[in-house]
Amino acid sequence: MKRTSSQNGFTLMEMMIALLILAILSLMIVPMTGNIGIREQVNEALGMTDALKTPIMDYWVVHKAFPEDNEEAGLPAADKLIGNYVTKIEIVDGAMHLYFGHKANTKLHGQILSLQPLFVEDSQGSPISWNCGYSHPPPGMELAGDNRTTVDNKLLPIACRDIPYTGTPE
């Protein structure tokens, strides 16, 4: 069979169907990638806490308790610990509370993310770990300070989300 010049290319109906399929696929992808930029901002803010963990852990080793505030931890005042996305970092009973603002996405403005020290109650010599946001502590470990997290669970990195601890996978 030989095609005539009027049969070359796609018909209008075929083009519309192809565009419809592309539109549906792109709408499915947008929700999956929409919060990636926000999570990157949260991760950058969490990176600011790395340097703050050492003074809090050192205080624990010396005093067998957690510092009540920034001053007791030997850190600058909360409003002096700022970054691109964080307006202040407040230490309360060893827990760090990051307050979002400045250049943060509007979904993060005014929100708080907490990092709480994890410790073994009857073993002062055990290392301290950190619990982020809504994450549950593993069995045998206690949390210090309060969790003031208000950031939406879906905007948090996986390590900070509310995913119950179920034990070791088999």
Protein backbone atom coordinates (compact mmCIF):
# COMPACT_ATOMS: atom_id res chain seq x y z
CA MET A 1 0.00 0.00 0.00
CA LYS A 2 1.25 3.38 -0.89
CA ARG A 3 0.44 6.42 1.26
CA THR A 4 -0.70 9.57 -0.37
CA SER A 5 0.48 12.97 0.81
CA SER A 6 -2.76 13.52 2.73
CA GLN A 7 -2.01 10.44 4.90
CA ASN A 8 1.43 11.53 6.19
CA GLY A 9 1.85 12.49 9.87
CA PHE A 10 -0.58 12.32 12.77
CA THR A 11 -4.23 13.18 12.69
CA LEU A 12 -5.53 15.86 14.99
CA MET A 13 -7.21 13.21 17.14
CA GLU A 14 -3.95 11.24 17.53
CA MET A 15 -2.10 14.41 18.57
CA MET A 16 -4.76 15.28 21.13
CA ILE A 17 -4.61 11.80 22.65
CA ALA A 18 -0.80 11.95 22.86
CA LEU A 19 -0.96 15.37 24.54
CA LEU A 20 -3.60 14.12 26.96
CA ILE A 21 -1.40 11.16 27.95
CA LEU A 22 1.60 13.49 28.48
CA ALA A 23 -0.50 15.85 30.60
CA ILE A 24 -1.75 13.01 32.81
CA LEU A 25 1.79 11.67 33.29
CA SER A 26 3.16 15.11 34.20
CA LEU A 27 0.35 15.65 36.72
CA MET A 28 1.31 12.37 38.38
CA ILE A 29 4.98 13.41 38.66
CA VAL A 30 4.42 16.92 40.12
CA PRO A 31 3.18 15.81 43.58
CA MET A 32 6.16 13.46 43.92
CA THR A 33 8.73 16.18 43.19
CA GLY A 34 6.90 19.21 44.56
CA ASN A 35 8.29 18.95 48.10
CA ILE A 36 11.88 18.06 47.18
CA GLY A 37 13.01 21.69 47.36
CA ILE A 38 11.39 22.09 50.78
CA ARG A 39 13.07 18.93 52.07
CA GLU A 40 16.41 20.26 50.81
CA GLN A 41 15.85 23.43 52.84
CA VAL A 42 15.05 21.33 55.93
CA ASN A 43 18.18 19.23 55.37
CA GLU A 44 20.33 22.36 55.07
CA ALA A 45 18.84 23.69 58.30
CA LEU A 46 19.54 20.36 60.02
CA GLY A 47 23.15 20.64 58.90
CA MET A 48 23.46 23.76 61.05
CA THR A 49 22.90 21.65 64.16
CA ASP A 50 25.97 19.47 63.65
CA ALA A 51 28.28 21.96 65.36
CA LEU A 52 25.77 22.47 68.21
CA LYS A 53 25.58 18.79 69.17
CA THR A 54 29.11 18.63 70.59
CA PRO A 55 28.64 21.27 73.34
CA ILE A 56 25.35 19.64 74.37
CA MET A 57 26.96 16.19 74.53
CA ASP A 58 29.97 17.59 76.42
CA TYR A 59 27.61 19.15 78.96
CA TRP A 60 25.93 15.74 79.40
CA VAL A 61 29.27 14.03 80.06
CA VAL A 62 30.31 16.57 82.71
CA HIS A 63 26.97 17.26 84.43
CA LYS A 64 25.00 14.04 83.78
CA ALA A 65 22.15 16.29 82.67
CA PHE A 66 21.30 18.32 79.59
CA PRO A 67 21.71 22.11 79.38
CA GLU A 68 18.58 24.12 80.10
CA ASP A 69 19.26 26.77 77.45
CA ASN A 70 21.74 28.15 74.90
CA GLU A 71 23.77 29.97 77.55
CA GLU A 72 24.15 26.92 79.77
CA ALA A 73 25.29 24.92 76.72
CA GLY A 74 27.94 27.57 76.05
CA LEU A 75 26.29 28.55 72.76
CA PRO A 76 25.30 31.95 71.36
CA ALA A 77 21.81 33.27 72.06
CA ALA A 78 19.04 31.62 70.02
CA ASP A 79 18.53 34.69 67.81
CA LYS A 80 22.26 34.65 66.91
CA LEU A 81 22.08 31.09 65.54
CA ILE A 82 20.56 31.92 62.15
CA GLY A 83 20.85 30.75 58.57
CA ASN A 84 19.26 31.01 55.14
CA TYR A 85 16.13 29.22 56.30
CA VAL A 86 16.36 29.45 60.10
CA THR A 87 15.54 32.53 62.19
CA LYS A 88 16.82 31.02 65.44
CA ILE A 89 17.89 27.79 67.13
CA GLU A 90 16.77 27.51 70.72
CA ILE A 91 18.17 24.96 73.18
CA VAL A 92 15.69 23.84 75.87
CA ASP A 93 16.59 20.94 78.19
CA GLY A 94 19.09 19.64 75.63
CA ALA A 95 16.63 19.67 72.72
CA MET A 96 17.31 21.94 69.75
CA HIS A 97 14.36 23.78 68.21
CA LEU A 98 14.85 25.21 64.71
CA TYR A 99 12.50 28.05 63.79
CA PHE A 100 11.99 28.45 60.03
CA GLY A 101 11.73 31.78 58.23
CA HIS A 102 14.01 34.09 56.20
CA LYS A 103 14.37 32.50 52.73
CA ALA A 104 12.50 29.29 53.61
CA ASN A 105 9.57 28.17 51.51
CA THR A 106 6.31 29.72 52.70
CA LYS A 107 5.12 26.24 53.81
CA LEU A 108 7.97 26.31 56.37
CA HIS A 109 7.61 29.92 57.61
CA GLY A 110 6.80 30.00 61.31
CA GLN A 111 7.23 26.22 61.63
CA ILE A 112 9.50 24.47 64.15
CA LEU A 113 11.61 21.33 63.87
CA SER A 114 12.99 19.74 67.05
CA LEU A 115 16.03 17.53 67.56
CA GLN A 116 16.05 15.72 70.88
CA PRO A 117 18.96 13.89 72.48
CA LEU A 118 18.49 10.13 72.78
CA PHE A 119 20.20 8.46 75.71
CA VAL A 120 20.16 5.28 77.77
CA GLU A 121 18.67 6.17 81.16
CA ASP A 122 20.73 3.93 83.41
CA SER A 123 23.97 4.12 81.43
CA GLN A 124 25.54 7.58 81.55
CA GLY A 125 28.55 6.29 79.60
CA SER A 126 26.49 5.21 76.59
CA PRO A 127 26.77 7.44 73.53
CA ILE A 128 24.11 10.02 72.79
CA SER A 129 22.14 9.88 69.58
CA TRP A 130 19.65 12.37 68.15
CA ASN A 131 15.97 12.07 67.34
CA CYS A 132 14.49 14.33 64.68
CA GLY A 133 10.93 15.61 64.43
CA TYR A 134 8.17 13.04 64.75
CA SER A 135 10.50 10.02 64.61
CA HIS A 136 10.02 7.46 67.38
CA PRO A 137 12.93 6.54 69.68
CA PRO A 138 14.23 2.98 69.50
CA PRO A 139 13.49 0.66 72.43
CA GLY A 140 15.76 1.18 75.43
CA MET A 141 16.46 4.85 74.67
CA GLU A 142 14.90 7.91 76.28
CA LEU A 143 14.31 11.37 74.81
CA ALA A 144 15.42 14.59 76.51
CA GLY A 145 13.46 17.81 76.14
CA ASP A 146 10.15 18.35 74.39
CA ASN A 147 9.28 17.81 70.75
CA ARG A 148 7.91 21.12 69.45
CA THR A 149 7.88 20.05 65.78
CA THR A 150 5.10 21.67 63.76
CA VAL A 151 6.48 21.06 60.24
CA ASP A 152 4.13 18.89 58.18
CA ASN A 153 5.25 15.25 58.29
CA LYS A 154 5.39 14.98 54.46
CA LEU A 155 7.81 17.95 54.25
CA LEU A 156 10.35 16.29 56.54
CA PRO A 157 13.22 14.00 55.53
CA ILE A 158 12.48 10.30 56.06
CA ALA A 159 14.59 10.21 59.25
CA CYS A 160 12.31 12.84 60.85
CA ARG A 161 8.93 11.41 59.87
CA ASP A 162 6.38 9.57 61.98
CA ILE A 163 7.26 6.01 61.05
CA PRO A 164 6.89 3.67 64.03
CA TYR A 165 9.89 1.57 64.94
CA THR A 166 9.10 -2.07 64.21
CA GLY A 167 12.38 -3.70 65.11
CA THR A 168 14.97 -5.30 62.91
CA PRO A 169 13.86 -6.50 59.48
CA GLU A 170 14.15 -10.25 59.00
